[in-house]
Amino acid sequence: DLAQAVRHELHREPVNVDRAAAAAYHALWSPGNIQQRNFAVFGGEYLLRQSVVGLRGFFDGFFRLPLPLWAGFLAGWPGLPHNERHETWYARMWLGVNFLVRLPPTVALDMTASIVLYIATTNLALAQSVTPFLGQPMGYEYKGGQDAVAGDVAAKDEARRMILESNVVEDVPVDFERPAASTPAVTDSVKALSSIL
């Protein structure tokens, strides 16, 4: 998805590296992927504050979940096995409720209090990841008008120059006859990547 987004943007005229970078970020971190990540981030932050007893209770409850639920959470990315159990707000809510009822009572109470405190004091990202009411997080879609003043202008100018000077070929040449010992792997990889873009 990332390569297709970048390639599409680099074939548009005029080339706009800000638009290409935004398309690349958006391909990886769509609002849905951000919501999924925000749900997992809360879990990670919760774990970091736990004592040994809290950790034991947490993992005892976590691995009592049906395999597709805990495996989907650990997959953490669209297209991986069982991740469909974690990709939508209602799937994450279902996982959370199923998880809370499997925790020892003291850990479940602590986690519930942590959820409420986290939402009230940190931000609404967790609530946004498990409900439809708060909309989606901001994505990385391109918003024009600030290209010249945002980021490292010198690096952008250099990237524009390099892109305009590069030769784009449709097929990546591969030399299967050259011995492996004499193959400069890094140089070949860079050349192959630049020819794809």
C-alpha atoms as a PDB file:
ATOM      1  CA  ASP A   1       0.000   0.000   0.000  1.00  0.00           C
ATOM      2  CA  LEU A   2       2.819   2.375   0.896  1.00  0.00           C
ATOM      3  CA  ALA A   3       4.753   1.740  -2.319  1.00  0.00           C
ATOM      4  CA  GLN A   4       1.619   2.177  -4.444  1.00  0.00           C
ATOM      5  CA  ALA A   5       0.747   5.462  -2.701  1.00  0.00           C
ATOM      6  CA  VAL A   6       4.261   6.854  -3.185  1.00  0.00           C
ATOM      7  CA  ARG A   7       4.459   5.690  -6.790  1.00  0.00           C
ATOM      8  CA  HIS A   8       1.081   7.245  -7.578  1.00  0.00           C
ATOM      9  CA  GLU A   9       2.128  10.585  -6.085  1.00  0.00           C
ATOM     10  CA  LEU A  10       5.527  10.624  -7.810  1.00  0.00           C
ATOM     11  CA  HIS A  11       3.851  10.130 -11.184  1.00  0.00           C
ATOM     12  CA  ARG A  12       1.657  13.204 -10.705  1.00  0.00           C
ATOM     13  CA  GLU A  13       2.764  16.503 -12.191  1.00  0.00           C
ATOM     14  CA  PRO A  14       4.195  18.546 -10.674  1.00  0.00           C
ATOM     15  CA  VAL A  15       5.939  16.242  -8.192  1.00  0.00           C
ATOM     16  CA  ASN A  16       5.099  17.261  -4.635  1.00  0.00           C
ATOM     17  CA  VAL A  17       7.156  15.444  -2.000  1.00  0.00           C
ATOM     18  CA  ASP A  18       4.911  16.722   0.799  1.00  0.00           C
ATOM     19  CA  ARG A  19       1.918  15.143  -0.878  1.00  0.00           C
ATOM     20  CA  ALA A  20       3.911  11.920  -1.456  1.00  0.00           C
ATOM     21  CA  ALA A  21       5.030  11.777   2.188  1.00  0.00           C
ATOM     22  CA  ALA A  22       1.475  12.387   3.406  1.00  0.00           C
ATOM     23  CA  ALA A  23       0.162   9.640   1.102  1.00  0.00           C
ATOM     24  CA  ALA A  24       2.816   7.238   2.425  1.00  0.00           C
ATOM     25  CA  TYR A  25       2.001   7.972   6.078  1.00  0.00           C
ATOM     26  CA  HIS A  26      -1.717   7.719   5.365  1.00  0.00           C
ATOM     27  CA  ALA A  27      -1.268   4.354   3.635  1.00  0.00           C
ATOM     28  CA  LEU A  28       0.401   2.978   6.779  1.00  0.00           C
ATOM     29  CA  TRP A  29      -1.475   4.921   9.437  1.00  0.00           C
ATOM     30  CA  SER A  30      -5.031   5.235   8.246  1.00  0.00           C
ATOM     31  CA  PRO A  31      -7.507   6.406  10.899  1.00  0.00           C
ATOM     32  CA  GLY A  32      -8.575   2.761  11.418  1.00  0.00           C
ATOM     33  CA  ASN A  33      -4.981   1.647  11.991  1.00  0.00           C
ATOM     34  CA  ILE A  34      -4.453   4.564  14.393  1.00  0.00           C
ATOM     35  CA  GLN A  35      -7.541   3.527  16.379  1.00  0.00           C
ATOM     36  CA  GLN A  36      -6.252  -0.033  16.606  1.00  0.00           C
ATOM     37  CA  ARG A  37      -2.838   1.214  17.740  1.00  0.00           C
ATOM     38  CA  ASN A  38      -4.384   3.553  20.352  1.00  0.00           C
ATOM     39  CA  PHE A  39      -6.246   0.615  21.906  1.00  0.00           C
ATOM     40  CA  ALA A  40      -3.004  -1.370  22.149  1.00  0.00           C
ATOM     41  CA  VAL A  41      -1.062   1.628  23.489  1.00  0.00           C
ATOM     42  CA  PHE A  42      -3.421   1.894  26.449  1.00  0.00           C
ATOM     43  CA  GLY A  43      -2.866  -1.801  27.210  1.00  0.00           C
ATOM     44  CA  GLY A  44       0.900  -1.343  27.070  1.00  0.00           C
ATOM     45  CA  GLU A  45       0.829   1.714  29.311  1.00  0.00           C
ATOM     46  CA  TYR A  46      -1.414  -0.120  31.760  1.00  0.00           C
ATOM     47  CA  LEU A  47       1.015  -3.048  31.907  1.00  0.00           C
ATOM     48  CA  LEU A  48       3.962  -0.748  32.616  1.00  0.00           C
ATOM     49  CA  ARG A  49       2.307   0.432  35.859  1.00  0.00           C
ATOM     50  CA  GLN A  50       1.535  -3.033  37.220  1.00  0.00           C
ATOM     51  CA  SER A  51       3.087  -4.913  40.100  1.00  0.00           C
ATOM     52  CA  VAL A  52       3.944  -8.597  39.783  1.00  0.00           C
ATOM     53  CA  VAL A  53       0.499  -9.511  41.137  1.00  0.00           C
ATOM     54  CA  GLY A  54      -1.190  -7.195  38.599  1.00  0.00           C
ATOM     55  CA  LEU A  55       0.868  -8.630  35.751  1.00  0.00           C
ATOM     56  CA  ARG A  56       0.004 -12.195  36.713  1.00  0.00           C
ATOM     57  CA  GLY A  57      -3.683 -11.344  36.922  1.00  0.00           C
ATOM     58  CA  PHE A  58      -3.573  -9.480  33.612  1.00  0.00           C
ATOM     59  CA  PHE A  59      -1.942 -12.314  31.678  1.00  0.00           C
ATOM     60  CA  ASP A  60      -4.018 -14.947  33.415  1.00  0.00           C
ATOM     61  CA  GLY A  61      -7.155 -13.192  32.145  1.00  0.00           C
ATOM     62  CA  PHE A  62      -5.671 -12.378  28.745  1.00  0.00           C
ATOM     63  CA  PHE A  63      -4.816 -15.966  27.892  1.00  0.00           C
ATOM     64  CA  ARG A  64      -8.214 -17.182  29.113  1.00  0.00           C
ATOM     65  CA  LEU A  65      -9.705 -15.332  26.152  1.00  0.00           C
ATOM     66  CA  PRO A  66     -10.525 -17.500  23.143  1.00  0.00           C
ATOM     67  CA  LEU A  67      -7.457 -17.802  20.925  1.00  0.00           C
ATOM     68  CA  PRO A  68      -8.879 -15.702  18.047  1.00  0.00           C
ATOM     69  CA  LEU A  69      -9.435 -12.768  20.438  1.00  0.00           C
ATOM     70  CA  TRP A  70      -6.009 -12.676  22.073  1.00  0.00           C
ATOM     71  CA  ALA A  71      -4.218 -13.656  18.836  1.00  0.00           C
ATOM     72  CA  GLY A  72      -6.031 -10.886  16.961  1.00  0.00           C
ATOM     73  CA  PHE A  73      -4.932  -8.362  19.562  1.00  0.00           C
ATOM     74  CA  LEU A  74      -1.323  -9.541  19.342  1.00  0.00           C
ATOM     75  CA  ALA A  75      -1.431  -9.575  15.523  1.00  0.00           C
ATOM     76  CA  GLY A  76      -2.005  -5.845  15.646  1.00  0.00           C
ATOM     77  CA  TRP A  77      -2.098  -5.170  11.909  1.00  0.00           C
ATOM     78  CA  PRO A  78      -4.650  -5.603   9.108  1.00  0.00           C
ATOM     79  CA  GLY A  79      -4.245  -8.794   7.139  1.00  0.00           C
ATOM     80  CA  LEU A  80      -2.559 -10.791   9.901  1.00  0.00           C
ATOM     81  CA  PRO A  81      -4.311 -13.898  11.303  1.00  0.00           C
ATOM     82  CA  HIS A  82      -7.314 -13.138  13.548  1.00  0.00           C
ATOM     83  CA  ASN A  83      -6.734  -9.377  13.322  1.00  0.00           C
ATOM     84  CA  GLU A  84     -10.317  -8.937  12.111  1.00  0.00           C
ATOM     85  CA  ARG A  85     -11.201  -9.482  15.818  1.00  0.00           C
ATOM     86  CA  HIS A  86      -9.448  -6.192  16.560  1.00  0.00           C
ATOM     87  CA  GLU A  87      -9.897  -3.981  13.476  1.00  0.00           C
ATOM     88  CA  THR A  88     -13.202  -2.260  14.314  1.00  0.00           C
ATOM     89  CA  TRP A  89     -14.429  -0.307  17.323  1.00  0.00           C
ATOM     90  CA  TYR A  90     -17.053  -2.922  18.196  1.00  0.00           C
ATOM     91  CA  ALA A  91     -14.516  -5.773  17.864  1.00  0.00           C
ATOM     92  CA  ARG A  92     -12.190  -3.929  20.280  1.00  0.00           C
ATOM     93  CA  MET A  93     -15.101  -3.249  22.649  1.00  0.00           C
ATOM     94  CA  TRP A  94     -16.056  -6.939  22.528  1.00  0.00           C
ATOM     95  CA  LEU A  95     -12.472  -7.937  23.283  1.00  0.00           C
ATOM     96  CA  GLY A  96     -12.311  -5.451  26.179  1.00  0.00           C
ATOM     97  CA  VAL A  97     -15.542  -6.636  27.796  1.00  0.00           C
ATOM     98  CA  ASN A  98     -14.572 -10.291  27.386  1.00  0.00           C
ATOM     99  CA  PHE A  99     -11.179  -9.508  28.867  1.00  0.00           C
ATOM    100  CA  LEU A 100     -12.502  -7.616  31.897  1.00  0.00           C
ATOM    101  CA  VAL A 101     -14.824 -10.459  32.939  1.00  0.00           C
ATOM    102  CA  ARG A 102     -11.908 -12.938  32.860  1.00  0.00           C
ATOM    103  CA  LEU A 103      -9.643 -10.862  35.101  1.00  0.00           C
ATOM    104  CA  PRO A 104      -9.339 -11.423  38.843  1.00  0.00           C
ATOM    105  CA  PRO A 105     -11.721  -8.936  40.535  1.00  0.00           C
ATOM    106  CA  THR A 106      -8.974  -6.678  41.937  1.00  0.00           C
ATOM    107  CA  VAL A 107      -7.242  -6.414  38.547  1.00  0.00           C
ATOM    108  CA  ALA A 108     -10.570  -5.859  36.757  1.00  0.00           C
ATOM    109  CA  LEU A 109     -11.425  -3.033  39.183  1.00  0.00           C
ATOM    110  CA  ASP A 110      -7.973  -1.492  38.773  1.00  0.00           C
ATOM    111  CA  MET A 111      -8.175  -1.710  34.985  1.00  0.00           C
ATOM    112  CA  THR A 112     -11.669  -0.175  34.907  1.00  0.00           C
ATOM    113  CA  ALA A 113     -10.472   2.713  37.085  1.00  0.00           C
ATOM    114  CA  SER A 114      -7.405   3.103  34.847  1.00  0.00           C
ATOM    115  CA  ILE A 115      -9.595   3.259  31.730  1.00  0.00           C
ATOM    116  CA  VAL A 116     -11.771   6.011  33.208  1.00  0.00           C
ATOM    117  CA  LEU A 117      -8.751   7.967  34.494  1.00  0.00           C
ATOM    118  CA  TYR A 118      -6.879   7.566  31.198  1.00  0.00           C
ATOM    119  CA  ILE A 119      -9.811   8.875  29.163  1.00  0.00           C
ATOM    120  CA  ALA A 120     -10.440  11.753  31.584  1.00  0.00           C
ATOM    121  CA  THR A 121      -6.830  12.917  31.936  1.00  0.00           C
ATOM    122  CA  THR A 122      -4.846  11.837  28.884  1.00  0.00           C
ATOM    123  CA  ASN A 123      -6.975  12.154  25.762  1.00  0.00           C
ATOM    124  CA  LEU A 124      -9.961  10.638  24.073  1.00  0.00           C
ATOM    125  CA  ALA A 125      -7.948   8.271  21.846  1.00  0.00           C
ATOM    126  CA  LEU A 126      -8.923   5.183  23.852  1.00  0.00           C
ATOM    127  CA  ALA A 127     -12.639   6.090  23.900  1.00  0.00           C
ATOM    128  CA  GLN A 128     -12.394   6.886  20.196  1.00  0.00           C
ATOM    129  CA  SER A 129     -10.977   3.418  19.531  1.00  0.00           C
ATOM    130  CA  VAL A 130     -13.917   1.578  21.178  1.00  0.00           C
ATOM    131  CA  THR A 131     -16.933   3.765  20.320  1.00  0.00           C
ATOM    132  CA  PRO A 132     -18.381   5.324  17.163  1.00  0.00           C
ATOM    133  CA  PHE A 133     -19.351   8.568  18.932  1.00  0.00           C
ATOM    134  CA  LEU A 134     -16.103  10.544  18.839  1.00  0.00           C
ATOM    135  CA  GLY A 135     -15.261  10.192  15.167  1.00  0.00           C
ATOM    136  CA  GLN A 136     -11.977   8.959  13.824  1.00  0.00           C
ATOM    137  CA  PRO A 137      -8.520  10.271  14.639  1.00  0.00           C
ATOM    138  CA  MET A 138      -6.870  12.706  12.278  1.00  0.00           C
ATOM    139  CA  GLY A 139      -5.177  10.867   9.448  1.00  0.00           C
ATOM    140  CA  TYR A 140      -2.182  11.956   7.433  1.00  0.00           C
ATOM    141  CA  GLU A 141      -4.046  12.985   4.309  1.00  0.00           C
ATOM    142  CA  TYR A 142      -2.358  15.770   2.392  1.00  0.00           C
ATOM    143  CA  LYS A 143      -3.434  19.282   3.253  1.00  0.00           C
ATOM    144  CA  GLY A 144      -1.838  21.732   0.827  1.00  0.00           C
ATOM    145  CA  GLY A 145      -0.850  25.299   1.396  1.00  0.00           C
ATOM    146  CA  GLN A 146       2.051  24.854   3.804  1.00  0.00           C
ATOM    147  CA  ASP A 147       4.506  22.923   1.649  1.00  0.00           C
ATOM    148  CA  ALA A 148       7.152  25.597   1.498  1.00  0.00           C
ATOM    149  CA  VAL A 149       7.104  26.363   5.232  1.00  0.00           C
ATOM    150  CA  ALA A 150       6.657  22.916   6.782  1.00  0.00           C
ATOM    151  CA  GLY A 151       9.552  20.640   7.636  1.00  0.00           C
ATOM    152  CA  ASP A 152      13.102  20.758   6.305  1.00  0.00           C
ATOM    153  CA  VAL A 153      12.840  22.949   3.217  1.00  0.00           C
ATOM    154  CA  ALA A 154      16.415  22.207   2.082  1.00  0.00           C
ATOM    155  CA  ALA A 155      15.787  18.446   2.283  1.00  0.00           C
ATOM    156  CA  LYS A 156      12.551  18.854   0.338  1.00  0.00           C
ATOM    157  CA  ASP A 157      14.303  20.855  -2.361  1.00  0.00           C
ATOM    158  CA  GLU A 158      16.999  18.180  -2.619  1.00  0.00           C
ATOM    159  CA  ALA A 159      14.384  15.400  -2.799  1.00  0.00           C
ATOM    160  CA  ARG A 160      12.502  17.266  -5.556  1.00  0.00           C
ATOM    161  CA  ARG A 161      15.730  17.721  -7.536  1.00  0.00           C
ATOM    162  CA  MET A 162      16.700  14.049  -7.124  1.00  0.00           C
ATOM    163  CA  ILE A 163      13.247  12.844  -8.165  1.00  0.00           C
ATOM    164  CA  LEU A 164      13.202  15.050 -11.235  1.00  0.00           C
ATOM    165  CA  GLU A 165      16.711  13.918 -12.235  1.00  0.00           C
ATOM    166  CA  SER A 166      16.043  10.194 -11.740  1.00  0.00           C
ATOM    167  CA  ASN A 167      15.271   7.794 -14.537  1.00  0.00           C
ATOM    168  CA  VAL A 168      12.158   5.758 -13.855  1.00  0.00           C
ATOM    169  CA  VAL A 169      11.986   2.288 -15.390  1.00  0.00           C
ATOM    170  CA  GLU A 170       9.087  -0.114 -15.215  1.00  0.00           C
ATOM    171  CA  ASP A 171      11.115  -3.327 -14.827  1.00  0.00           C
ATOM    172  CA  VAL A 172      13.746  -3.774 -12.153  1.00  0.00           C
ATOM    173  CA  PRO A 173      16.811  -5.338 -13.800  1.00  0.00           C
ATOM    174  CA  VAL A 174      18.229  -8.319 -11.921  1.00  0.00           C
ATOM    175  CA  ASP A 175      21.610  -9.840 -12.717  1.00  0.00           C
ATOM    176  CA  PHE A 176      21.420 -13.493 -11.657  1.00  0.00           C
ATOM    177  CA  GLU A 177      24.750 -14.293 -13.296  1.00  0.00           C
ATOM    178  CA  ARG A 178      26.952 -12.073 -11.120  1.00  0.00           C
ATOM    179  CA  PRO A 179      28.684 -13.955  -8.251  1.00  0.00           C
ATOM    180  CA  ALA A 180      27.297 -13.148  -4.814  1.00  0.00           C
ATOM    181  CA  ALA A 181      30.712 -12.120  -3.432  1.00  0.00           C
ATOM    182  CA  SER A 182      31.025  -9.244  -5.895  1.00  0.00           C
ATOM    183  CA  THR A 183      27.426  -8.023  -5.484  1.00  0.00           C
ATOM    184  CA  PRO A 184      27.223  -4.693  -3.681  1.00  0.00           C
ATOM    185  CA  ALA A 185      23.900  -5.529  -2.010  1.00  0.00           C
ATOM    186  CA  VAL A 186      23.175  -2.128  -0.524  1.00  0.00           C
ATOM    187  CA  THR A 187      23.869  -0.279  -3.778  1.00  0.00           C
ATOM    188  CA  ASP A 188      21.747  -2.726  -5.759  1.00  0.00           C
ATOM    189  CA  SER A 189      18.894  -2.423  -3.264  1.00  0.00           C
ATOM    190  CA  VAL A 190      18.970   1.367  -3.435  1.00  0.00           C
ATOM    191  CA  LYS A 191      19.071   1.297  -7.235  1.00  0.00           C
ATOM    192  CA  ALA A 192      16.187  -1.196  -7.355  1.00  0.00           C
ATOM    193  CA  LEU A 193      14.099   0.875  -4.941  1.00  0.00           C
ATOM    194  CA  SER A 194      14.737   4.102  -6.814  1.00  0.00           C
ATOM    195  CA  SER A 195      13.856   2.435 -10.108  1.00  0.00           C
ATOM    196  CA  ILE A 196      10.553   1.213  -8.652  1.00  0.00           C
ATOM    197  CA  LEU A 197       9.681   4.676  -7.389  1.00  0.00           C
END
